Amino acid sequence: MIVEDTTTRGTSLLEAVEVVRAFGAEVVFASVIVDRGTTCTQLCSDAGVHYAPLLTATDLGFEPGT
């Protein structure tokens, strides 16, 4: 499992997934406390990783990407 505090695009989360995989581990789940963007779900899906943020920007009353 990979967990970060926030993400906007999801690229650093996917970089962490690749580093963990390089050590031979299988990443099956990723999460962030606040997902401020809209692309991380698709990036994780494309990488074969289940993704579920605790909160999104919309949950907090903000437009995605802010």
C-alpha atoms as a PDB file:
ATOM      1  CA  MET A   1       0.000   0.000   0.000  1.00  0.00           C
ATOM      2  CA  ILE A   2       1.223   3.478  -0.921  1.00  0.00           C
ATOM      3  CA  VAL A   3      -0.167   6.517   0.944  1.00  0.00           C
ATOM      4  CA  GLU A   4       0.514  10.217   0.382  1.00  0.00           C
ATOM      5  CA  ASP A   5      -0.878  13.352   1.966  1.00  0.00           C
ATOM      6  CA  THR A   6      -2.129  15.089  -1.201  1.00  0.00           C
ATOM      7  CA  THR A   7      -2.003  14.702  -4.951  1.00  0.00           C
ATOM      8  CA  THR A   8      -3.056  16.831  -7.881  1.00  0.00           C
ATOM      9  CA  ARG A   9      -1.949  14.885 -10.950  1.00  0.00           C
ATOM     10  CA  GLY A  10      -0.907  11.591  -9.352  1.00  0.00           C
ATOM     11  CA  THR A  11       2.529  11.420 -10.914  1.00  0.00           C
ATOM     12  CA  SER A  12       4.521  11.269  -7.662  1.00  0.00           C
ATOM     13  CA  LEU A  13       2.197   8.559  -6.343  1.00  0.00           C
ATOM     14  CA  LEU A  14       2.861   6.503  -9.474  1.00  0.00           C
ATOM     15  CA  GLU A  15       6.609   7.137  -9.144  1.00  0.00           C
ATOM     16  CA  ALA A  16       6.418   5.638  -5.648  1.00  0.00           C
ATOM     17  CA  VAL A  17       4.545   2.637  -7.049  1.00  0.00           C
ATOM     18  CA  GLU A  18       7.319   2.075  -9.603  1.00  0.00           C
ATOM     19  CA  VAL A  19      10.052   2.327  -6.942  1.00  0.00           C
ATOM     20  CA  VAL A  20       8.299  -0.220  -4.735  1.00  0.00           C
ATOM     21  CA  ARG A  21       7.819  -2.529  -7.720  1.00  0.00           C
ATOM     22  CA  ALA A  22      11.504  -2.185  -8.595  1.00  0.00           C
ATOM     23  CA  PHE A  23      12.274  -3.794  -5.234  1.00  0.00           C
ATOM     24  CA  GLY A  24      10.071  -6.740  -6.173  1.00  0.00           C
ATOM     25  CA  ALA A  25       6.988  -5.868  -4.136  1.00  0.00           C
ATOM     26  CA  GLU A  26       3.464  -5.858  -5.489  1.00  0.00           C
ATOM     27  CA  VAL A  27       1.467  -2.673  -4.909  1.00  0.00           C
ATOM     28  CA  VAL A  28      -2.226  -3.483  -4.696  1.00  0.00           C
ATOM     29  CA  PHE A  29      -3.641  -0.299  -3.152  1.00  0.00           C
ATOM     30  CA  ALA A  30      -2.846   3.418  -3.132  1.00  0.00           C
ATOM     31  CA  SER A  31      -4.497   6.286  -1.291  1.00  0.00           C
ATOM     32  CA  VAL A  32      -4.103   9.953  -0.466  1.00  0.00           C
ATOM     33  CA  ILE A  33      -5.686  12.065   2.223  1.00  0.00           C
ATOM     34  CA  VAL A  34      -6.829  14.710  -0.297  1.00  0.00           C
ATOM     35  CA  ASP A  35      -7.003  14.219  -4.068  1.00  0.00           C
ATOM     36  CA  ARG A  36      -7.004  17.755  -5.474  1.00  0.00           C
ATOM     37  CA  GLY A  37      -7.122  16.713  -9.127  1.00  0.00           C
ATOM     38  CA  THR A  38      -8.973  14.297 -11.359  1.00  0.00           C
ATOM     39  CA  THR A  39      -6.284  12.196 -13.045  1.00  0.00           C
ATOM     40  CA  CYS A  40      -4.940   9.928 -10.294  1.00  0.00           C
ATOM     41  CA  THR A  41      -7.811   7.450 -10.469  1.00  0.00           C
ATOM     42  CA  GLN A  42      -7.157   6.733 -14.142  1.00  0.00           C
ATOM     43  CA  LEU A  43      -3.361   6.646 -13.725  1.00  0.00           C
ATOM     44  CA  CYS A  44      -3.638   4.090 -10.955  1.00  0.00           C
ATOM     45  CA  SER A  45      -6.152   2.038 -12.899  1.00  0.00           C
ATOM     46  CA  ASP A  46      -3.830   1.996 -15.911  1.00  0.00           C
ATOM     47  CA  ALA A  47      -1.026   0.803 -13.604  1.00  0.00           C
ATOM     48  CA  GLY A  48      -3.194  -1.960 -12.136  1.00  0.00           C
ATOM     49  CA  VAL A  49      -3.390  -0.387  -8.678  1.00  0.00           C
ATOM     50  CA  HIS A  50      -6.667   0.046  -6.773  1.00  0.00           C
ATOM     51  CA  TYR A  51      -6.946   3.712  -5.721  1.00  0.00           C
ATOM     52  CA  ALA A  52      -9.244   5.373  -3.213  1.00  0.00           C
ATOM     53  CA  PRO A  53      -8.683   8.864  -1.781  1.00  0.00           C
ATOM     54  CA  LEU A  54     -10.033   9.724   1.654  1.00  0.00           C
ATOM     55  CA  LEU A  55     -11.284  13.108   0.389  1.00  0.00           C
ATOM     56  CA  THR A  56     -11.425  14.969  -2.916  1.00  0.00           C
ATOM     57  CA  ALA A  57     -11.293  18.671  -3.667  1.00  0.00           C
ATOM     58  CA  THR A  58     -15.013  18.522  -4.416  1.00  0.00           C
ATOM     59  CA  ASP A  59     -15.697  16.964  -0.989  1.00  0.00           C
ATOM     60  CA  LEU A  60     -14.022  20.032   0.533  1.00  0.00           C
ATOM     61  CA  GLY A  61     -15.952  22.516  -1.627  1.00  0.00           C
ATOM     62  CA  PHE A  62     -13.152  23.314  -4.092  1.00  0.00           C
ATOM     63  CA  GLU A  63     -12.847  22.916  -7.834  1.00  0.00           C
ATOM     64  CA  PRO A  64     -10.524  20.047  -8.827  1.00  0.00           C
ATOM     65  CA  GLY A  65      -6.976  21.197  -9.481  1.00  0.00           C
ATOM     66  CA  THR A  66      -6.983  23.967  -6.886  1.00  0.00           C
END
